[in-house]
PDB file of N, CA and C in Angstrom:
ATOM      1  N   MET A   1       9.984  15.819 -19.256  1.00  0.00           N
ATOM      2  CA  MET A   1       8.978  14.848 -18.835  1.00  0.00           C
ATOM      3  C   MET A   1       8.699  13.898 -19.987  1.00  0.00           C
ATOM      4  N   THR A   2       8.654  12.631 -19.685  1.00  0.00           N
ATOM      5  CA  THR A   2       8.365  11.637 -20.706  1.00  0.00           C
ATOM      6  C   THR A   2       6.867  11.561 -20.934  1.00  0.00           C
ATOM      7  N   GLY A   3       6.484  10.990 -22.056  1.00  0.00           N
ATOM      8  CA  GLY A   3       5.075  10.924 -22.402  1.00  0.00           C
ATOM      9  C   GLY A   3       4.337   9.774 -21.736  1.00  0.00           C
ATOM     10  N   ALA A   4       5.049   8.852 -21.089  1.00  0.00           N
ATOM     11  CA  ALA A   4       4.407   7.693 -20.488  1.00  0.00           C
ATOM     12  C   ALA A   4       3.655   8.092 -19.225  1.00  0.00           C
ATOM     13  N   LEU A   5       2.430   7.635 -19.140  1.00  0.00           N
ATOM     14  CA  LEU A   5       1.586   7.997 -17.999  1.00  0.00           C
ATOM     15  C   LEU A   5       2.082   7.369 -16.702  1.00  0.00           C
ATOM     16  N   TRP A   6       2.647   6.148 -16.778  1.00  0.00           N
ATOM     17  CA  TRP A   6       3.094   5.476 -15.556  1.00  0.00           C
ATOM     18  C   TRP A   6       4.335   6.117 -14.945  1.00  0.00           C
ATOM     19  N   SER A   7       5.022   6.961 -15.686  1.00  0.00           N
ATOM     20  CA  SER A   7       6.193   7.609 -15.115  1.00  0.00           C
ATOM     21  C   SER A   7       5.877   9.001 -14.566  1.00  0.00           C
ATOM     22  N   THR A   8       4.598   9.325 -14.458  1.00  0.00           N
ATOM     23  CA  THR A   8       4.168  10.596 -13.892  1.00  0.00           C
ATOM     24  C   THR A   8       3.872  10.396 -12.411  1.00  0.00           C
ATOM     25  N   TRP A   9       4.440  11.247 -11.572  1.00  0.00           N
ATOM     26  CA  TRP A   9       4.341  11.049 -10.122  1.00  0.00           C
ATOM     27  C   TRP A   9       2.913  11.161  -9.617  1.00  0.00           C
ATOM     28  N   TRP A  10       2.121  12.091 -10.161  1.00  0.00           N
ATOM     29  CA  TRP A  10       0.785  12.305  -9.611  1.00  0.00           C
ATOM     30  C   TRP A  10      -0.163  11.154  -9.938  1.00  0.00           C
ATOM     31  N   VAL A  11       0.131  10.371 -10.963  1.00  0.00           N
ATOM     32  CA  VAL A  11      -0.691   9.196 -11.259  1.00  0.00           C
ATOM     33  C   VAL A  11      -0.542   8.165 -10.150  1.00  0.00           C
ATOM     34  N   TRP A  12       0.674   7.978  -9.677  1.00  0.00           N
ATOM     35  CA  TRP A  12       0.918   7.034  -8.587  1.00  0.00           C
ATOM     36  C   TRP A  12       0.309   7.534  -7.273  1.00  0.00           C
ATOM     37  N   VAL A  13       0.388   8.825  -7.027  1.00  0.00           N
ATOM     38  CA  VAL A  13      -0.198   9.384  -5.802  1.00  0.00           C
ATOM     39  C   VAL A  13      -1.723   9.294  -5.856  1.00  0.00           C
ATOM     40  N   ALA A  14      -2.317   9.537  -7.028  1.00  0.00           N
ATOM     41  CA  ALA A  14      -3.770   9.394  -7.172  1.00  0.00           C
ATOM     42  C   ALA A  14      -4.180   7.934  -6.987  1.00  0.00           C
ATOM     43  N   GLY A  15      -3.382   7.020  -7.502  1.00  0.00           N
ATOM     44  CA  GLY A  15      -3.653   5.597  -7.276  1.00  0.00           C
ATOM     45  C   GLY A  15      -3.565   5.230  -5.805  1.00  0.00           C
ATOM     46  N   ALA A  16      -2.601   5.826  -5.108  1.00  0.00           N
ATOM     47  CA  ALA A  16      -2.482   5.587  -3.667  1.00  0.00           C
ATOM     48  C   ALA A  16      -3.710   6.090  -2.930  1.00  0.00           C
ATOM     49  N   LEU A  17      -4.236   7.228  -3.352  1.00  0.00           N
ATOM     50  CA  LEU A  17      -5.444   7.760  -2.723  1.00  0.00           C
ATOM     51  C   LEU A  17      -6.641   6.847  -2.963  1.00  0.00           C
ATOM     52  N   VAL A  18      -6.781   6.339  -4.169  1.00  0.00           N
ATOM     53  CA  VAL A  18      -7.879   5.416  -4.477  1.00  0.00           C
ATOM     54  C   VAL A  18      -7.744   4.145  -3.644  1.00  0.00           C
ATOM     55  N   LEU A  19      -6.542   3.615  -3.531  1.00  0.00           N
ATOM     56  CA  LEU A  19      -6.338   2.410  -2.723  1.00  0.00           C
ATOM     57  C   LEU A  19      -6.586   2.665  -1.239  1.00  0.00           C
ATOM     58  N   ALA A  20      -6.248   3.846  -0.748  1.00  0.00           N
ATOM     59  CA  ALA A  20      -6.523   4.185   0.652  1.00  0.00           C
ATOM     60  C   ALA A  20      -8.025   4.280   0.901  1.00  0.00           C
ATOM     61  N   ILE A  21      -8.757   4.803  -0.057  1.00  0.00           N
ATOM     62  CA  ILE A  21     -10.221   4.851   0.072  1.00  0.00           C
ATOM     63  C   ILE A  21     -10.799   3.441   0.058  1.00  0.00           C
ATOM     64  N   LEU A  22     -10.267   2.575  -0.795  1.00  0.00           N
ATOM     65  CA  LEU A  22     -10.713   1.180  -0.808  1.00  0.00           C
ATOM     66  C   LEU A  22     -10.442   0.491   0.529  1.00  0.00           C
ATOM     67  N   GLU A  23      -9.359   0.869   1.181  1.00  0.00           N
ATOM     68  CA  GLU A  23      -9.041   0.293   2.489  1.00  0.00           C
ATOM     69  C   GLU A  23     -10.108   0.641   3.520  1.00  0.00           C
ATOM     70  N   VAL A  24     -10.660   1.830   3.426  1.00  0.00           N
ATOM     71  CA  VAL A  24     -11.722   2.235   4.354  1.00  0.00           C
ATOM     72  C   VAL A  24     -12.967   1.385   4.110  1.00  0.00           C
ATOM     73  N   LEU A  25     -13.235   1.071   2.853  1.00  0.00           N
ATOM     74  CA  LEU A  25     -14.426   0.295   2.517  1.00  0.00           C
ATOM     75  C   LEU A  25     -14.258  -1.194   2.793  1.00  0.00           C
ATOM     76  N   ALA A  26     -13.049  -1.698   2.691  1.00  0.00           N
ATOM     77  CA  ALA A  26     -12.777  -3.120   2.912  1.00  0.00           C
ATOM     78  C   ALA A  26     -11.555  -3.249   3.810  1.00  0.00           C
ATOM     79  N   PRO A  27     -11.730  -3.094   5.128  1.00  0.00           N
ATOM     80  CA  PRO A  27     -10.570  -3.092   6.023  1.00  0.00           C
ATOM     81  C   PRO A  27      -9.887  -4.457   6.091  1.00  0.00           C
ATOM     82  N   GLY A  28      -8.678  -4.435   6.524  1.00  0.00           N
ATOM     83  CA  GLY A  28      -7.898  -5.641   6.669  1.00  0.00           C
ATOM     84  C   GLY A  28      -6.437  -5.398   6.358  1.00  0.00           C
ATOM     85  N   TYR A  29      -6.062  -4.166   6.131  1.00  0.00           N
ATOM     86  CA  TYR A  29      -4.692  -3.742   5.864  1.00  0.00           C
ATOM     87  C   TYR A  29      -4.136  -4.331   4.570  1.00  0.00           C
ATOM     88  N   VAL A  30      -5.000  -4.752   3.643  1.00  0.00           N
ATOM     89  CA  VAL A  30      -4.533  -5.259   2.360  1.00  0.00           C
ATOM     90  C   VAL A  30      -4.284  -4.100   1.408  1.00  0.00           C
ATOM     91  N   PHE A  31      -5.307  -3.285   1.196  1.00  0.00           N
ATOM     92  CA  PHE A  31      -5.169  -2.161   0.271  1.00  0.00           C
ATOM     93  C   PHE A  31      -4.250  -1.074   0.826  1.00  0.00           C
ATOM     94  N   LEU A  32      -4.113  -1.001   2.139  1.00  0.00           N
ATOM     95  CA  LEU A  32      -3.246   0.015   2.735  1.00  0.00           C
ATOM     96  C   LEU A  32      -1.780  -0.229   2.391  1.00  0.00           C
ATOM     97  N   GLY A  33      -1.378  -1.485   2.347  1.00  0.00           N
ATOM     98  CA  GLY A  33      -0.014  -1.804   1.938  1.00  0.00           C
ATOM     99  C   GLY A  33       0.253  -1.399   0.498  1.00  0.00           C
ATOM    100  N   PHE A  34      -0.723  -1.653  -0.379  1.00  0.00           N
ATOM    101  CA  PHE A  34      -0.585  -1.244  -1.768  1.00  0.00           C
ATOM    102  C   PHE A  34      -0.594   0.280  -1.892  1.00  0.00           C
ATOM    103  N   ALA A  35      -1.402   0.940  -1.064  1.00  0.00           N
ATOM    104  CA  ALA A  35      -1.448   2.406  -1.097  1.00  0.00           C
ATOM    105  C   ALA A  35      -0.109   2.997  -0.673  1.00  0.00           C
ATOM    106  N   ILE A  36       0.510   2.426   0.333  1.00  0.00           N
ATOM    107  CA  ILE A  36       1.815   2.908   0.785  1.00  0.00           C
ATOM    108  C   ILE A  36       2.868   2.668  -0.298  1.00  0.00           C
ATOM    109  N   GLY A  37       2.795   1.522  -0.975  1.00  0.00           N
ATOM    110  CA  GLY A  37       3.720   1.245  -2.065  1.00  0.00           C
ATOM    111  C   GLY A  37       3.562   2.223  -3.217  1.00  0.00           C
ATOM    112  N   ALA A  38       2.307   2.518  -3.597  1.00  0.00           N
ATOM    113  CA  ALA A  38       2.058   3.471  -4.682  1.00  0.00           C
ATOM    114  C   ALA A  38       2.508   4.877  -4.282  1.00  0.00           C
ATOM    115  N   LEU A  39       2.272   5.249  -3.039  1.00  0.00           N
ATOM    116  CA  LEU A  39       2.717   6.557  -2.567  1.00  0.00           C
ATOM    117  C   LEU A  39       4.248   6.643  -2.579  1.00  0.00           C
ATOM    118  N   GLY A  40       4.896   5.568  -2.204  1.00  0.00           N
ATOM    119  CA  GLY A  40       6.360   5.548  -2.235  1.00  0.00           C
ATOM    120  C   GLY A  40       6.907   5.715  -3.643  1.00  0.00           C
ATOM    121  N   VAL A  41       6.289   5.042  -4.615  1.00  0.00           N
ATOM    122  CA  VAL A  41       6.729   5.189  -5.997  1.00  0.00           C
ATOM    123  C   VAL A  41       6.462   6.611  -6.480  1.00  0.00           C
ATOM    124  N   GLY A  42       5.307   7.162  -6.129  1.00  0.00           N
ATOM    125  CA  GLY A  42       4.995   8.535  -6.514  1.00  0.00           C
ATOM    126  C   GLY A  42       5.987   9.529  -5.946  1.00  0.00           C
ATOM    127  N   LEU A  43       6.345   9.359  -4.684  1.00  0.00           N
ATOM    128  CA  LEU A  43       7.325  10.263  -4.069  1.00  0.00           C
ATOM    129  C   LEU A  43       8.718  10.072  -4.661  1.00  0.00           C
ATOM    130  N   LEU A  44       9.050   8.837  -5.009  1.00  0.00           N
ATOM    131  CA  LEU A  44      10.335   8.584  -5.653  1.00  0.00           C
ATOM    132  C   LEU A  44      10.410   9.291  -6.999  1.00  0.00           C
ATOM    133  N   LEU A  45       9.342   9.203  -7.781  1.00  0.00           N
ATOM    134  CA  LEU A  45       9.319   9.882  -9.081  1.00  0.00           C
ATOM    135  C   LEU A  45       9.319  11.393  -8.913  1.00  0.00           C
ATOM    136  N   LEU A  46       8.643  11.900  -7.907  1.00  0.00           N
ATOM    137  CA  LEU A  46       8.603  13.341  -7.670  1.00  0.00           C
ATOM    138  C   LEU A  46       9.980  13.880  -7.274  1.00  0.00           C
ATOM    139  N   ASN A  47      10.658  13.162  -6.392  1.00  0.00           N
ATOM    140  CA  ASN A  47      11.948  13.641  -5.880  1.00  0.00           C
ATOM    141  C   ASN A  47      13.094  13.462  -6.864  1.00  0.00           C
ATOM    142  N   THR A  48      13.074  12.364  -7.615  1.00  0.00           N
ATOM    143  CA  THR A  48      14.206  12.105  -8.507  1.00  0.00           C
ATOM    144  C   THR A  48      13.964  12.612  -9.919  1.00  0.00           C
ATOM    145  N   GLY A  49      12.717  12.568 -10.384  1.00  0.00           N
ATOM    146  CA  GLY A  49      12.410  12.997 -11.739  1.00  0.00           C
ATOM    147  C   GLY A  49      12.903  12.031 -12.798  1.00  0.00           C
ATOM    148  N   LEU A  50      13.232  10.812 -12.399  1.00  0.00           N
ATOM    149  CA  LEU A  50      13.726   9.825 -13.347  1.00  0.00           C
ATOM    150  C   LEU A  50      12.581   9.277 -14.186  1.00  0.00           C
ATOM    151  N   GLY A  51      12.840   8.977 -15.416  1.00  0.00           N
ATOM    152  CA  GLY A  51      11.863   8.330 -16.280  1.00  0.00           C
ATOM    153  C   GLY A  51      12.131   6.837 -16.299  1.00  0.00           C
ATOM    154  N   LEU A  52      11.686   6.128 -15.284  1.00  0.00           N
ATOM    155  CA  LEU A  52      11.963   4.697 -15.166  1.00  0.00           C
ATOM    156  C   LEU A  52      10.998   3.899 -16.029  1.00  0.00           C
ATOM    157  N   SER A  53      11.418   2.701 -16.400  1.00  0.00           N
ATOM    158  CA  SER A  53      10.571   1.836 -17.219  1.00  0.00           C
ATOM    159  C   SER A  53       9.456   1.232 -16.361  1.00  0.00           C
ATOM    160  N   LEU A  54       8.413   0.783 -17.022  1.00  0.00           N
ATOM    161  CA  LEU A  54       7.274   0.203 -16.305  1.00  0.00           C
ATOM    162  C   LEU A  54       7.658  -1.029 -15.487  1.00  0.00           C
ATOM    163  N   PRO A  55       8.427  -1.992 -16.023  1.00  0.00           N
ATOM    164  CA  PRO A  55       8.795  -3.146 -15.188  1.00  0.00           C
ATOM    165  C   PRO A  55       9.562  -2.754 -13.922  1.00  0.00           C
ATOM    166  N   LEU A  56      10.445  -1.779 -14.042  1.00  0.00           N
ATOM    167  CA  LEU A  56      11.202  -1.338 -12.870  1.00  0.00           C
ATOM    168  C   LEU A  56      10.290  -0.641 -11.854  1.00  0.00           C
ATOM    169  N   LEU A  57       9.371   0.172 -12.336  1.00  0.00           N
ATOM    170  CA  LEU A  57       8.421   0.831 -11.429  1.00  0.00           C
ATOM    171  C   LEU A  57       7.529  -0.189 -10.728  1.00  0.00           C
ATOM    172  N   LEU A  58       7.090  -1.205 -11.458  1.00  0.00           N
ATOM    173  CA  LEU A  58       6.253  -2.242 -10.837  1.00  0.00           C
ATOM    174  C   LEU A  58       7.039  -3.056  -9.814  1.00  0.00           C
ATOM    175  N   LEU A  59       8.320  -3.284 -10.080  1.00  0.00           N
ATOM    176  CA  LEU A  59       9.157  -3.986  -9.107  1.00  0.00           C
ATOM    177  C   LEU A  59       9.324  -3.162  -7.830  1.00  0.00           C
ATOM    178  N   ILE A  60       9.582  -1.878  -7.993  1.00  0.00           N
ATOM    179  CA  ILE A  60       9.707  -0.997  -6.823  1.00  0.00           C
ATOM    180  C   ILE A  60       8.386  -0.952  -6.060  1.00  0.00           C
ATOM    181  N   PHE A  61       7.273  -0.849  -6.783  1.00  0.00           N
ATOM    182  CA  PHE A  61       5.947  -0.845  -6.155  1.00  0.00           C
ATOM    183  C   PHE A  61       5.712  -2.132  -5.368  1.00  0.00           C
ATOM    184  N   ALA A  62       6.046  -3.273  -5.951  1.00  0.00           N
ATOM    185  CA  ALA A  62       5.838  -4.552  -5.269  1.00  0.00           C
ATOM    186  C   ALA A  62       6.698  -4.661  -4.013  1.00  0.00           C
ATOM    187  N   LEU A  63       7.950  -4.241  -4.104  1.00  0.00           N
ATOM    188  CA  LEU A  63       8.842  -4.327  -2.941  1.00  0.00           C
ATOM    189  C   LEU A  63       8.400  -3.386  -1.822  1.00  0.00           C
ATOM    190  N   LEU A  64       8.000  -2.165  -2.178  1.00  0.00           N
ATOM    191  CA  LEU A  64       7.526  -1.225  -1.153  1.00  0.00           C
ATOM    192  C   LEU A  64       6.213  -1.705  -0.521  1.00  0.00           C
ATOM    193  N   SER A  65       5.325  -2.280  -1.330  1.00  0.00           N
ATOM    194  CA  SER A  65       4.058  -2.795  -0.807  1.00  0.00           C
ATOM    195  C   SER A  65       4.288  -3.968   0.137  1.00  0.00           C
ATOM    196  N   LEU A  66       5.201  -4.857  -0.241  1.00  0.00           N
ATOM    197  CA  LEU A  66       5.517  -6.000   0.620  1.00  0.00           C
ATOM    198  C   LEU A  66       6.124  -5.533   1.934  1.00  0.00           C
ATOM    199  N   ALA A  67       7.052  -4.593   1.869  1.00  0.00           N
ATOM    200  CA  ALA A  67       7.669  -4.072   3.086  1.00  0.00           C
ATOM    201  C   ALA A  67       6.627  -3.402   3.979  1.00  0.00           C
ATOM    202  N   ALA A  68       5.728  -2.625   3.386  1.00  0.00           N
ATOM    203  CA  ALA A  68       4.677  -1.963   4.177  1.00  0.00           C
ATOM    204  C   ALA A  68       3.765  -2.994   4.820  1.00  0.00           C
ATOM    205  N   TRP A  69       3.412  -4.049   4.075  1.00  0.00           N
ATOM    206  CA  TRP A  69       2.528  -5.078   4.625  1.00  0.00           C
ATOM    207  C   TRP A  69       3.202  -5.812   5.775  1.00  0.00           C
ATOM    208  N   LEU A  70       4.490  -6.121   5.637  1.00  0.00           N
ATOM    209  CA  LEU A  70       5.200  -6.820   6.715  1.00  0.00           C
ATOM    210  C   LEU A  70       5.316  -5.953   7.967  1.00  0.00           C
ATOM    211  N   VAL A  71       5.568  -4.669   7.793  1.00  0.00           N
ATOM    212  CA  VAL A  71       5.645  -3.762   8.946  1.00  0.00           C
ATOM    213  C   VAL A  71       4.286  -3.657   9.625  1.00  0.00           C
ATOM    214  N   MET A  72       3.219  -3.510   8.845  1.00  0.00           N
ATOM    215  CA  MET A  72       1.879  -3.406   9.455  1.00  0.00           C
ATOM    216  C   MET A  72       1.469  -4.706  10.128  1.00  0.00           C
ATOM    217  N   ARG A  73       1.887  -5.836   9.564  1.00  0.00           N
ATOM    218  CA  ARG A  73       1.567  -7.118  10.190  1.00  0.00           C
ATOM    219  C   ARG A  73       2.219  -7.225  11.561  1.00  0.00           C
ATOM    220  N   ARG A  74       3.444  -6.724  11.666  1.00  0.00           N
ATOM    221  CA  ARG A  74       4.131  -6.766  12.952  1.00  0.00           C
ATOM    222  C   ARG A  74       3.528  -5.762  13.939  1.00  0.00           C
ATOM    223  N   LEU A  75       3.171  -4.572  13.457  1.00  0.00           N
ATOM    224  CA  LEU A  75       2.645  -3.534  14.342  1.00  0.00           C
ATOM    225  C   LEU A  75       1.232  -3.839  14.841  1.00  0.00           C
ATOM    226  N   PHE A  76       0.384  -4.367  13.971  1.00  0.00           N
ATOM    227  CA  PHE A  76      -1.026  -4.525  14.307  1.00  0.00           C
ATOM    228  C   PHE A  76      -1.407  -5.940  14.708  1.00  0.00           C
ATOM    229  N   ALA A  77      -0.465  -6.840  14.822  1.00  0.00           N
ATOM    230  CA  ALA A  77      -0.765  -8.222  15.189  1.00  0.00           C
ATOM    231  C   ALA A  77      -1.088  -8.329  16.675  1.00  0.00           C
ATOM    232  N   LEU A  78      -1.794  -9.389  17.009  1.00  0.00           N
ATOM    233  CA  LEU A  78      -2.052  -9.673  18.416  1.00  0.00           C
ATOM    234  C   LEU A  78      -0.739 -10.070  19.082  1.00  0.00           C
ATOM    235  N   PRO A  79      -0.620  -9.812  20.376  1.00  0.00           N
ATOM    236  CA  PRO A  79       0.582 -10.268  21.072  1.00  0.00           C
ATOM    237  C   PRO A  79       0.747 -11.777  20.932  1.00  0.00           C
ATOM    238  N   LYS A  80       1.984 -12.243  20.936  1.00  0.00           N
ATOM    239  CA  LYS A  80       2.261 -13.661  20.707  1.00  0.00           C
ATOM    240  C   LYS A  80       1.577 -14.530  21.753  1.00  0.00           C
ATOM    241  N   GLY A  81       0.892 -15.550  21.285  1.00  0.00           N
ATOM    242  CA  GLY A  81       0.202 -16.474  22.165  1.00  0.00           C
ATOM    243  C   GLY A  81      -1.209 -16.045  22.535  1.00  0.00           C
ATOM    244  N   GLN A  82      -1.617 -14.852  22.145  1.00  0.00           N
ATOM    245  CA  GLN A  82      -2.957 -14.380  22.468  1.00  0.00           C
ATOM    246  C   GLN A  82      -3.893 -14.711  21.304  1.00  0.00           C
ATOM    247  N   VAL A  83      -5.021 -15.288  21.657  1.00  0.00           N
ATOM    248  CA  VAL A  83      -6.013 -15.668  20.665  1.00  0.00           C
ATOM    249  C   VAL A  83      -7.304 -14.934  20.977  1.00  0.00           C
ATOM    250  N   THR A  84      -7.946 -14.424  19.963  1.00  0.00           N
ATOM    251  CA  THR A  84      -9.228 -13.758  20.161  1.00  0.00           C
ATOM    252  C   THR A  84     -10.326 -14.812  20.269  1.00  0.00           C
ATOM    253  N   ARG A  85     -11.094 -14.751  21.343  1.00  0.00           N
ATOM    254  CA  ARG A  85     -12.193 -15.695  21.543  1.00  0.00           C
ATOM    255  C   ARG A  85     -13.479 -14.921  21.741  1.00  0.00           C
ATOM    256  N   PHE A  86     -14.526 -15.425  21.147  1.00  0.00           N
ATOM    257  CA  PHE A  86     -15.848 -14.823  21.295  1.00  0.00           C
ATOM    258  C   PHE A  86     -16.728 -15.790  22.065  1.00  0.00           C
ATOM    259  N   GLU A  87     -17.144 -15.380  23.234  1.00  0.00           N
ATOM    260  CA  GLU A  87     -17.969 -16.229  24.101  1.00  0.00           C
ATOM    261  C   GLU A  87     -19.457 -16.014  23.849  1.00  0.00           C
ATOM    262  N   ASP A  88     -19.835 -14.819  23.486  1.00  0.00           N
ATOM    263  CA  ASP A  88     -21.242 -14.506  23.294  1.00  0.00           C
ATOM    264  C   ASP A  88     -21.497 -14.139  21.847  1.00  0.00           C
ATOM    265  N   ASP A  89     -22.687 -14.510  21.398  1.00  0.00           N
ATOM    266  CA  ASP A  89     -23.101 -14.140  20.048  1.00  0.00           C
ATOM    267  C   ASP A  89     -23.694 -12.749  20.096  1.00  0.00           C
ATOM    268  N   ILE A  90     -23.453 -11.962  19.098  1.00  0.00           N
ATOM    269  CA  ILE A  90     -23.961 -10.590  19.078  1.00  0.00           C
ATOM    270  C   ILE A  90     -25.494 -10.558  19.018  1.00  0.00           C
ATOM    271  N   ASN A  91     -26.099 -11.642  18.546  1.00  0.00           N
ATOM    272  CA  ASN A  91     -27.556 -11.686  18.424  1.00  0.00           C
ATOM    273  C   ASN A  91     -28.257 -12.147  19.698  1.00  0.00           C
ATOM    274  N   ASP A  92     -27.508 -12.568  20.708  1.00  0.00           N
ATOM    275  CA  ASP A  92     -28.148 -13.028  21.963  1.00  0.00           C
ATOM    276  C   ASP A  92     -28.560 -11.883  22.831  1.00  0.00           C
TER     277      ASP A  92
END
Protein backbone atom coordinates (compact mmCIF):
# COMPACT_ATOMS: atom_id res chain seq x y z
CA MET A 1 0.00 0.00 0.00
CA THR A 2 1.31 3.42 -0.90
CA GLY A 3 1.38 6.24 1.60
CA ALA A 4 -0.74 8.60 -0.50
CA LEU A 5 -4.19 9.16 0.91
CA TRP A 6 -5.82 9.64 -2.51
CA SER A 7 -4.80 6.16 -3.60
CA THR A 8 -6.68 4.53 -0.72
CA TRP A 9 -9.99 2.99 -1.80
CA TRP A 10 -11.95 3.75 1.37
CA VAL A 11 -11.21 7.48 1.09
CA TRP A 12 -12.99 7.56 -2.26
CA VAL A 13 -15.90 5.49 -0.93
CA ALA A 14 -16.22 7.80 2.10
CA GLY A 15 -16.20 10.78 -0.26
CA ALA A 16 -18.94 9.11 -2.29
CA LEU A 17 -21.01 8.71 0.87
CA VAL A 18 -20.56 12.38 1.78
CA LEU A 19 -21.58 13.43 -1.74
CA ALA A 20 -24.63 11.15 -1.63
CA ILE A 21 -25.69 12.77 1.65
CA LEU A 22 -25.24 16.20 0.06
CA GLU A 23 -27.51 15.05 -2.77
CA VAL A 24 -30.29 14.41 -0.26
CA LEU A 25 -29.88 17.93 1.12
CA ALA A 26 -29.63 19.64 -2.28
CA PRO A 27 -31.47 17.54 -4.87
CA GLY A 28 -30.98 17.94 -8.57
CA TYR A 29 -28.80 14.95 -9.47
CA VAL A 30 -25.63 17.08 -9.37
CA PHE A 31 -23.92 15.56 -6.34
CA LEU A 32 -25.23 12.10 -7.21
CA GLY A 33 -23.17 12.03 -10.40
CA PHE A 34 -20.06 12.97 -8.43
CA ALA A 35 -20.92 10.34 -5.81
CA ILE A 36 -21.18 7.65 -8.48
CA GLY A 37 -17.84 8.77 -9.94
CA ALA A 38 -16.13 8.65 -6.53
CA LEU A 39 -17.64 5.24 -5.82
CA GLY A 40 -16.39 3.99 -9.18
CA VAL A 41 -12.86 5.16 -8.43
CA GLY A 42 -13.03 3.59 -4.98
CA LEU A 43 -14.16 0.26 -6.41
CA LEU A 44 -11.49 0.44 -9.09
CA LEU A 45 -8.80 0.94 -6.45
CA LEU A 46 -10.26 -1.83 -4.29
CA ASN A 47 -10.41 -4.37 -7.11
CA THR A 48 -7.12 -3.61 -8.82
CA GLY A 49 -4.96 -2.42 -5.92
CA LEU A 50 -3.05 -0.15 -8.28
CA GLY A 51 -1.27 2.89 -6.89
CA LEU A 52 -2.35 5.39 -9.53
CA SER A 53 -1.20 9.00 -9.59
CA LEU A 54 -3.51 11.80 -8.50
CA PRO A 55 -3.97 13.32 -12.00
CA LEU A 56 -4.95 9.92 -13.40
CA LEU A 57 -7.38 9.28 -10.54
CA LEU A 58 -8.96 12.71 -11.03
CA LEU A 59 -9.32 12.03 -14.76
CA ILE A 60 -11.03 8.71 -14.08
CA PHE A 61 -13.26 10.41 -11.49
CA ALA A 62 -14.23 13.16 -13.95
CA LEU A 63 -15.02 10.69 -16.75
CA LEU A 64 -17.09 8.42 -14.49
CA SER A 65 -18.96 11.43 -13.05
CA LEU A 66 -19.72 12.78 -16.52
CA ALA A 67 -20.94 9.38 -17.71
CA ALA A 68 -23.15 9.00 -14.62
CA TRP A 69 -24.59 12.49 -15.10
CA LEU A 70 -25.37 11.84 -18.78
CA VAL A 71 -27.08 8.53 -17.97
CA MET A 72 -29.17 10.12 -15.19
CA ARG A 73 -30.09 13.02 -17.46
CA ARG A 74 -31.45 10.57 -20.01
CA LEU A 75 -33.24 8.40 -17.42
CA PHE A 76 -34.83 11.17 -15.35
CA ALA A 77 -35.64 13.70 -18.08
CA LEU A 78 -39.15 14.61 -19.08
CA PRO A 79 -40.42 12.91 -22.22
CA LYS A 80 -39.48 14.80 -25.38
CA GLY A 81 -41.78 17.72 -26.07
CA GLN A 82 -43.35 17.66 -22.61
CA VAL A 83 -43.10 20.84 -20.60
CA THR A 84 -43.98 21.20 -16.94
CA ARG A 85 -46.57 23.93 -16.43
CA PHE A 86 -47.91 25.27 -13.17
CA GLU A 87 -51.40 26.71 -13.41
CA ASP A 88 -52.04 27.33 -9.73
CA ASP A 89 -49.91 28.98 -7.10
CA ILE A 90 -49.29 26.90 -4.00
CA ASN A 91 -50.30 29.89 -1.85
CA ASP A 92 -53.79 30.25 -3.40
